[in-house]
Each structure stands twice: as C-alpha cells, then as structure tokens.
PDB file of N, CA and C in Angstrom:
ATOM      1  N   MET A   1     136.970  76.122 133.116  1.00  0.00           N
ATOM      2  CA  MET A   1     135.889  75.451 132.309  1.00  0.00           C
ATOM      3  C   MET A   1     136.470  75.780 130.743  1.00  0.00           C
ATOM      4  N   ASP A   2     136.179  74.991 129.697  1.00  0.00           N
ATOM      5  CA  ASP A   2     136.709  75.349 128.549  1.00  0.00           C
ATOM      6  C   ASP A   2     135.625  75.830 127.746  1.00  0.00           C
ATOM      7  N   THR A   3     135.625  76.473 126.411  1.00  0.00           N
ATOM      8  CA  THR A   3     134.569  77.059 125.501  1.00  0.00           C
ATOM      9  C   THR A   3     133.310  76.082 125.374  1.00  0.00           C
ATOM     10  N   VAL A   4     133.952  75.037 124.912  1.00  0.00           N
ATOM     11  CA  VAL A   4     132.674  74.268 124.430  1.00  0.00           C
ATOM     12  C   VAL A   4     131.621  73.978 125.775  1.00  0.00           C
ATOM     13  N   ASN A   5     132.224  73.624 126.799  1.00  0.00           N
ATOM     14  CA  ASN A   5     131.298  73.566 128.143  1.00  0.00           C
ATOM     15  C   ASN A   5     130.835  74.730 128.474  1.00  0.00           C
ATOM     16  N   THR A   6     131.147  75.718 128.272  1.00  0.00           N
ATOM     17  CA  THR A   6     130.704  77.276 128.573  1.00  0.00           C
ATOM     18  C   THR A   6     129.278  77.308 127.519  1.00  0.00           C
ATOM     19  N   ILE A   7     129.756  77.002 126.202  1.00  0.00           N
ATOM     20  CA  ILE A   7     128.625  77.000 125.377  1.00  0.00           C
ATOM     21  C   ILE A   7     127.414  76.194 125.588  1.00  0.00           C
ATOM     22  N   ARG A   8     127.745  75.008 125.922  1.00  0.00           N
ATOM     23  CA  ARG A   8     126.675  73.919 126.384  1.00  0.00           C
ATOM     24  C   ARG A   8     125.981  74.536 127.669  1.00  0.00           C
ATOM     25  N   ASN A   9     126.684  74.970 128.689  1.00  0.00           N
ATOM     26  CA  ASN A   9     126.134  75.563 129.891  1.00  0.00           C
ATOM     27  C   ASN A   9     125.054  76.839 129.698  1.00  0.00           C
ATOM     28  N   ARG A  10     125.496  77.595 128.638  1.00  0.00           N
ATOM     29  CA  ARG A  10     124.723  78.652 128.137  1.00  0.00           C
ATOM     30  C   ARG A  10     123.312  78.018 127.496  1.00  0.00           C
ATOM     31  N   ILE A  11     123.623  77.388 126.591  1.00  0.00           N
ATOM     32  CA  ILE A  11     122.396  76.774 125.828  1.00  0.00           C
ATOM     33  C   ILE A  11     121.458  76.216 126.947  1.00  0.00           C
ATOM     34  N   LEU A  12     121.945  75.205 127.998  1.00  0.00           N
ATOM     35  CA  LEU A  12     121.179  74.703 128.905  1.00  0.00           C
ATOM     36  C   LEU A  12     120.267  75.851 129.815  1.00  0.00           C
ATOM     37  N   GLN A  13     120.947  76.795 130.159  1.00  0.00           N
ATOM     38  CA  GLN A  13     120.430  77.827 130.963  1.00  0.00           C
ATOM     39  C   GLN A  13     119.429  78.731 130.227  1.00  0.00           C
ATOM     40  N   LEU A  14     119.572  78.856 129.008  1.00  0.00           N
ATOM     41  CA  LEU A  14     118.723  79.648 128.174  1.00  0.00           C
ATOM     42  C   LEU A  14     117.434  78.939 127.696  1.00  0.00           C
ATOM     43  N   SER A  15     117.649  77.578 127.597  1.00  0.00           N
ATOM     44  CA  SER A  15     116.488  76.849 127.203  1.00  0.00           C
ATOM     45  C   SER A  15     115.895  76.414 128.470  1.00  0.00           C
ATOM     46  N   ASP A  16     116.323  76.232 129.712  1.00  0.00           N
ATOM     47  CA  ASP A  16     115.593  76.253 130.956  1.00  0.00           C
ATOM     48  C   ASP A  16     114.798  77.275 131.427  1.00  0.00           C
ATOM     49  N   GLU A  17     115.415  78.577 131.124  1.00  0.00           N
ATOM     50  CA  GLU A  17     114.766  79.791 131.450  1.00  0.00           C
ATOM     51  C   GLU A  17     113.290  79.979 130.423  1.00  0.00           C
ATOM     52  N   ARG A  18     113.443  79.269 129.239  1.00  0.00           N
ATOM     53  CA  ARG A  18     112.294  79.511 128.352  1.00  0.00           C
ATOM     54  C   ARG A  18     111.676  78.157 128.435  1.00  0.00           C
ATOM     55  N   ASP A  19     111.786  77.218 129.411  1.00  0.00           N
ATOM     56  CA  ASP A  19     111.090  75.821 129.582  1.00  0.00           C
ATOM     57  C   ASP A  19     111.217  75.240 128.097  1.00  0.00           C
ATOM     58  N   LEU A  20     112.271  75.002 127.545  1.00  0.00           N
ATOM     59  CA  LEU A  20     112.333  74.371 126.083  1.00  0.00           C
ATOM     60  C   LEU A  20     113.022  73.255 126.245  1.00  0.00           C
ATOM     61  N   THR A  21     112.484  72.054 125.590  1.00  0.00           N
ATOM     62  CA  THR A  21     113.029  70.797 125.530  1.00  0.00           C
ATOM     63  C   THR A  21     114.181  70.908 124.599  1.00  0.00           C
ATOM     64  N   ILE A  22     115.095  69.902 124.379  1.00  0.00           N
ATOM     65  CA  ILE A  22     116.180  69.754 123.302  1.00  0.00           C
ATOM     66  C   ILE A  22     115.396  69.967 121.941  1.00  0.00           C
ATOM     67  N   ASN A  23     114.378  69.047 121.855  1.00  0.00           N
ATOM     68  CA  ASN A  23     113.688  69.087 120.541  1.00  0.00           C
ATOM     69  C   ASN A  23     112.790  70.150 120.218  1.00  0.00           C
ATOM     70  N   LYS A  24     112.256  70.794 121.165  1.00  0.00           N
ATOM     71  CA  LYS A  24     111.663  72.118 120.896  1.00  0.00           C
ATOM     72  C   LYS A  24     112.747  73.146 120.491  1.00  0.00           C
ATOM     73  N   LEU A  25     113.782  73.183 121.164  1.00  0.00           N
ATOM     74  CA  LEU A  25     114.692  74.363 120.831  1.00  0.00           C
ATOM     75  C   LEU A  25     115.235  74.087 119.378  1.00  0.00           C
ATOM     76  N   ALA A  26     115.413  72.974 119.055  1.00  0.00           N
ATOM     77  CA  ALA A  26     115.948  72.251 117.745  1.00  0.00           C
ATOM     78  C   ALA A  26     114.991  72.923 116.716  1.00  0.00           C
ATOM     79  N   THR A  27     113.761  72.436 116.811  1.00  0.00           N
ATOM     80  CA  THR A  27     112.823  72.858 116.108  1.00  0.00           C
ATOM     81  C   THR A  27     112.640  74.219 115.768  1.00  0.00           C
ATOM     82  N   ILE A  28     112.377  75.136 116.917  1.00  0.00           N
ATOM     83  CA  ILE A  28     112.171  76.625 116.588  1.00  0.00           C
ATOM     84  C   ILE A  28     113.686  77.172 116.174  1.00  0.00           C
ATOM     85  N   SER A  29     114.888  76.636 116.103  1.00  0.00           N
ATOM     86  CA  SER A  29     116.106  76.895 115.542  1.00  0.00           C
ATOM     87  C   SER A  29     116.352  76.517 114.201  1.00  0.00           C
ATOM     88  N   ALA A  30     115.345  75.778 113.656  1.00  0.00           N
ATOM     89  CA  ALA A  30     115.493  75.242 112.167  1.00  0.00           C
ATOM     90  C   ALA A  30     116.667  74.363 112.334  1.00  0.00           C
ATOM     91  N   LEU A  31     117.138  73.538 113.363  1.00  0.00           N
ATOM     92  CA  LEU A  31     118.291  72.758 113.364  1.00  0.00           C
ATOM     93  C   LEU A  31     117.904  71.180 113.703  1.00  0.00           C
ATOM     94  N   PRO A  32     118.528  70.288 113.113  1.00  0.00           N
ATOM     95  CA  PRO A  32     118.193  68.815 113.486  1.00  0.00           C
ATOM     96  C   PRO A  32     118.423  68.609 115.056  1.00  0.00           C
ATOM     97  N   PRO A  33     117.684  67.931 115.719  1.00  0.00           N
ATOM     98  CA  PRO A  33     118.083  67.499 117.032  1.00  0.00           C
ATOM     99  C   PRO A  33     119.031  66.974 117.367  1.00  0.00           C
ATOM    100  N   SER A  34     119.775  66.279 116.286  1.00  0.00           N
ATOM    101  CA  SER A  34     121.138  65.691 116.468  1.00  0.00           C
ATOM    102  C   SER A  34     122.161  66.717 116.790  1.00  0.00           C
ATOM    103  N   SER A  35     122.021  67.723 116.086  1.00  0.00           N
ATOM    104  CA  SER A  35     123.033  68.789 116.045  1.00  0.00           C
ATOM    105  C   SER A  35     123.140  69.444 117.554  1.00  0.00           C
ATOM    106  N   VAL A  36     121.812  69.807 118.109  1.00  0.00           N
ATOM    107  CA  VAL A  36     121.744  70.458 119.255  1.00  0.00           C
ATOM    108  C   VAL A  36     122.446  69.329 120.338  1.00  0.00           C
ATOM    109  N   LYS A  37     121.813  68.017 120.067  1.00  0.00           N
ATOM    110  CA  LYS A  37     122.346  66.972 120.898  1.00  0.00           C
ATOM    111  C   LYS A  37     123.858  66.906 121.209  1.00  0.00           C
ATOM    112  N   ASN A  38     124.429  66.927 120.027  1.00  0.00           N
ATOM    113  CA  ASN A  38     125.953  66.885 119.617  1.00  0.00           C
ATOM    114  C   ASN A  38     126.635  67.928 120.516  1.00  0.00           C
ATOM    115  N   ILE A  39     125.989  69.032 120.614  1.00  0.00           N
ATOM    116  CA  ILE A  39     126.687  70.003 121.249  1.00  0.00           C
ATOM    117  C   ILE A  39     126.569  69.799 122.864  1.00  0.00           C
ATOM    118  N   LEU A  40     125.208  69.503 123.190  1.00  0.00           N
ATOM    119  CA  LEU A  40     124.926  69.178 124.517  1.00  0.00           C
ATOM    120  C   LEU A  40     125.575  68.085 125.085  1.00  0.00           C
ATOM    121  N   TYR A  41     125.773  66.910 124.558  1.00  0.00           N
ATOM    122  CA  TYR A  41     126.388  65.950 125.099  1.00  0.00           C
ATOM    123  C   TYR A  41     128.093  65.484 124.642  1.00  0.00           C
ATOM    124  N   GLY A  42     128.565  66.663 124.319  1.00  0.00           N
ATOM    125  CA  GLY A  42     129.917  66.754 124.364  1.00  0.00           C
ATOM    126  C   GLY A  42     130.261  66.005 122.847  1.00  0.00           C
ATOM    127  N   ARG A  43     129.484  65.517 122.010  1.00  0.00           N
ATOM    128  CA  ARG A  43     130.032  65.005 120.849  1.00  0.00           C
ATOM    129  C   ARG A  43     130.478  65.822 119.706  1.00  0.00           C
ATOM    130  N   SER A  44     130.485  67.226 119.802  1.00  0.00           N
ATOM    131  CA  SER A  44     130.613  68.424 119.078  1.00  0.00           C
ATOM    132  C   SER A  44     131.688  69.114 119.714  1.00  0.00           C
ATOM    133  N   CYS A  45     133.096  68.962 119.582  1.00  0.00           N
ATOM    134  CA  CYS A  45     134.074  69.531 120.096  1.00  0.00           C
ATOM    135  C   CYS A  45     134.215  70.930 119.479  1.00  0.00           C
ATOM    136  N   ASP A  46     133.564  71.292 118.599  1.00  0.00           N
ATOM    137  CA  ASP A  46     133.896  72.990 118.022  1.00  0.00           C
ATOM    138  C   ASP A  46     132.568  73.252 117.350  1.00  0.00           C
ATOM    139  N   PRO A  47     131.452  73.650 117.952  1.00  0.00           N
ATOM    140  CA  PRO A  47     130.399  74.178 117.347  1.00  0.00           C
ATOM    141  C   PRO A  47     130.652  75.244 116.519  1.00  0.00           C
ATOM    142  N   LYS A  48     130.095  75.211 115.377  1.00  0.00           N
ATOM    143  CA  LYS A  48     130.175  76.263 114.389  1.00  0.00           C
ATOM    144  C   LYS A  48     129.443  77.439 114.628  1.00  0.00           C
ATOM    145  N   ILE A  49     129.886  78.818 114.502  1.00  0.00           N
ATOM    146  CA  ILE A  49     129.121  79.876 114.580  1.00  0.00           C
ATOM    147  C   ILE A  49     127.775  79.926 114.222  1.00  0.00           C
ATOM    148  N   GLY A  50     127.521  79.283 112.805  1.00  0.00           N
ATOM    149  CA  GLY A  50     126.282  79.331 112.158  1.00  0.00           C
ATOM    150  C   GLY A  50     125.333  78.476 112.982  1.00  0.00           C
ATOM    151  N   THR A  51     125.766  77.661 113.620  1.00  0.00           N
ATOM    152  CA  THR A  51     124.889  76.775 114.537  1.00  0.00           C
ATOM    153  C   THR A  51     124.423  77.576 115.552  1.00  0.00           C
ATOM    154  N   ILE A  52     125.383  78.310 116.341  1.00  0.00           N
ATOM    155  CA  ILE A  52     124.927  79.074 117.506  1.00  0.00           C
ATOM    156  C   ILE A  52     124.055  80.104 117.231  1.00  0.00           C
ATOM    157  N   LYS A  53     124.645  80.788 116.019  1.00  0.00           N
ATOM    158  CA  LYS A  53     123.350  81.773 115.367  1.00  0.00           C
ATOM    159  C   LYS A  53     122.099  81.223 115.348  1.00  0.00           C
ATOM    160  N   LYS A  54     121.938  80.233 114.728  1.00  0.00           N
ATOM    161  CA  LYS A  54     120.604  79.618 114.750  1.00  0.00           C
ATOM    162  C   LYS A  54     119.866  79.353 115.877  1.00  0.00           C
ATOM    163  N   LEU A  55     120.656  79.046 117.031  1.00  0.00           N
ATOM    164  CA  LEU A  55     119.930  78.745 118.399  1.00  0.00           C
ATOM    165  C   LEU A  55     119.665  80.114 118.930  1.00  0.00           C
ATOM    166  N   CYS A  56     120.607  81.111 118.514  1.00  0.00           N
ATOM    167  CA  CYS A  56     120.155  82.293 119.230  1.00  0.00           C
ATOM    168  C   CYS A  56     118.789  82.820 118.356  1.00  0.00           C
ATOM    169  N   ASP A  57     118.916  82.659 117.033  1.00  0.00           N
ATOM    170  CA  ASP A  57     117.577  83.098 116.417  1.00  0.00           C
ATOM    171  C   ASP A  57     116.199  82.420 117.215  1.00  0.00           C
ATOM    172  N   GLY A  58     116.508  81.090 117.401  1.00  0.00           N
ATOM    173  CA  GLY A  58     115.533  80.260 118.008  1.00  0.00           C
ATOM    174  C   GLY A  58     115.033  80.760 119.372  1.00  0.00           C
ATOM    175  N   LEU A  59     116.260  81.296 120.053  1.00  0.00           N
ATOM    176  CA  LEU A  59     115.954  81.700 121.500  1.00  0.00           C
ATOM    177  C   LEU A  59     115.470  83.281 121.522  1.00  0.00           C
ATOM    178  N   GLY A  60     115.486  83.863 120.303  1.00  0.00           N
ATOM    179  CA  GLY A  60     115.112  85.270 120.234  1.00  0.00           C
ATOM    180  C   GLY A  60     116.118  86.069 120.857  1.00  0.00           C
ATOM    181  N   ILE A  61     117.481  85.697 120.762  1.00  0.00           N
ATOM    182  CA  ILE A  61     118.452  86.602 121.279  1.00  0.00           C
ATOM    183  C   ILE A  61     119.434  86.839 120.217  1.00  0.00           C
ATOM    184  N   THR A  62     120.576  87.761 120.534  1.00  0.00           N
ATOM    185  CA  THR A  62     121.541  88.197 119.459  1.00  0.00           C
ATOM    186  C   THR A  62     122.715  87.272 119.743  1.00  0.00           C
ATOM    187  N   LEU A  63     123.624  86.968 119.022  1.00  0.00           N
ATOM    188  CA  LEU A  63     124.963  86.433 119.318  1.00  0.00           C
ATOM    189  C   LEU A  63     125.601  87.008 120.612  1.00  0.00           C
ATOM    190  N   GLY A  64     125.470  88.510 120.571  1.00  0.00           N
ATOM    191  CA  GLY A  64     126.148  89.451 121.493  1.00  0.00           C
ATOM    192  C   GLY A  64     125.542  88.984 122.935  1.00  0.00           C
ATOM    193  N   GLU A  65     124.554  88.648 122.862  1.00  0.00           N
ATOM    194  CA  GLU A  65     123.511  88.422 124.252  1.00  0.00           C
ATOM    195  C   GLU A  65     124.081  87.165 124.717  1.00  0.00           C
ATOM    196  N   PHE A  66     124.058  86.232 123.557  1.00  0.00           N
ATOM    197  CA  PHE A  66     124.592  84.867 123.851  1.00  0.00           C
ATOM    198  C   PHE A  66     125.758  84.810 124.942  1.00  0.00           C
ATOM    199  N   PHE A  67     126.871  85.590 124.239  1.00  0.00           N
ATOM    200  CA  PHE A  67     128.226  85.426 124.578  1.00  0.00           C
ATOM    201  C   PHE A  67     128.502  86.449 125.766  1.00  0.00           C
ATOM    202  N   SER A  68     127.602  87.312 126.241  1.00  0.00           N
ATOM    203  CA  SER A  68     127.767  88.504 127.057  1.00  0.00           C
ATOM    204  C   SER A  68     127.417  88.088 128.476  1.00  0.00           C
ATOM    205  N   THR A  69     128.382  87.021 128.963  1.00  0.00           N
ATOM    206  CA  THR A  69     127.998  86.540 130.386  1.00  0.00           C
ATOM    207  C   THR A  69     129.755  86.616 130.967  1.00  0.00           C
ATOM    208  N   LYS A  70     129.487  86.530 132.301  1.00  0.00           N
ATOM    209  CA  LYS A  70     130.699  86.395 133.188  1.00  0.00           C
ATOM    210  C   LYS A  70     131.532  85.155 132.824  1.00  0.00           C
ATOM    211  N   GLU A  71     130.859  84.064 132.486  1.00  0.00           N
ATOM    212  CA  GLU A  71     131.659  82.729 132.103  1.00  0.00           C
ATOM    213  C   GLU A  71     132.399  82.884 130.941  1.00  0.00           C
ATOM    214  N   PHE A  72     131.753  83.524 129.931  1.00  0.00           N
ATOM    215  CA  PHE A  72     132.634  83.725 128.584  1.00  0.00           C
ATOM    216  C   PHE A  72     133.596  84.723 128.933  1.00  0.00           C
ATOM    217  N   ASP A  73     133.481  85.727 129.623  1.00  0.00           N
ATOM    218  CA  ASP A  73     134.559  86.659 130.168  1.00  0.00           C
ATOM    219  C   ASP A  73     135.584  86.256 130.763  1.00  0.00           C
ATOM    220  N   GLU A  74     135.612  85.241 131.676  1.00  0.00           N
ATOM    221  CA  GLU A  74     136.305  84.473 132.361  1.00  0.00           C
ATOM    222  C   GLU A  74     137.278  83.400 131.726  1.00  0.00           C
ATOM    223  N   LEU A  75     136.854  82.866 130.582  1.00  0.00           N
ATOM    224  CA  LEU A  75     137.728  81.963 129.853  1.00  0.00           C
ATOM    225  C   LEU A  75     138.995  82.327 129.573  1.00  0.00           C
ATOM    226  N   GLU A  76     139.989  81.306 129.773  1.00  0.00           N
ATOM    227  CA  GLU A  76     141.442  81.450 129.651  1.00  0.00           C
ATOM    228  C   GLU A  76     141.672  81.335 127.971  1.00  0.00           C
ATOM    229  N   GLN A  77     142.585  82.149 127.564  1.00  0.00           N
ATOM    230  CA  GLN A  77     142.926  82.123 126.339  1.00  0.00           C
ATOM    231  C   GLN A  77     143.218  80.590 125.870  1.00  0.00           C
ATOM    232  N   ASP A  78     143.048  80.309 124.806  1.00  0.00           N
ATOM    233  CA  ASP A  78     143.518  78.876 124.339  1.00  0.00           C
ATOM    234  C   ASP A  78     144.829  78.685 123.896  1.00  0.00           C
ATOM    235  N   ILE A  79     145.168  79.955 123.157  1.00  0.00           N
ATOM    236  CA  ILE A  79     146.317  80.238 122.779  1.00  0.00           C
ATOM    237  C   ILE A  79     147.216  81.214 123.268  1.00  0.00           C
ATOM    238  N   LYS A  80     148.466  80.819 123.935  1.00  0.00           N
ATOM    239  CA  LYS A  80     149.167  81.756 124.776  1.00  0.00           C
ATOM    240  C   LYS A  80     150.631  82.028 124.233  1.00  0.00           C
TER     241      LYS A  80
END
C-alpha cells in the first residue's frame, strides 16, 4: 500500500470510529468538504501536512497519534 492510500484509510477509520460523515469531519476541521473528498477519493496525490494537521485537530488527536499505526510503520521507502 502507498502513503496516500494509508492516509485515506486512516482518515476513514478515525471518522468511522467517531461516526462522522465527510462533511461533518470537514466542518469540525475547518476545511472545505472538497479538500477532504479529494484525499478520500484519490484526487489529491500528495496531501499537505497542514491539511492532515487540521483533520487531526478536528478529530481531537495529535499528528503523532494519526501516524502511529502499524500500517504507517510498514510503508516501504519511496526513495531507495
């Protein structure tokens, strides 16, 4: 799995755990719904860390908590 799909899956997992729709997540994260949808539907190939930080703020977690998963730990290096 690649980084963008891992980010997408993590956002979906956290939203599902909190019973949040995409629009509700966008609202509590102070982001346009289109920004969140672009990440989730694969139209954003390189989500900015600032956007991920806002999502984390809306979800009530830190960036460290967002990225602290087995899936992120197992990602292969993009540059070898």
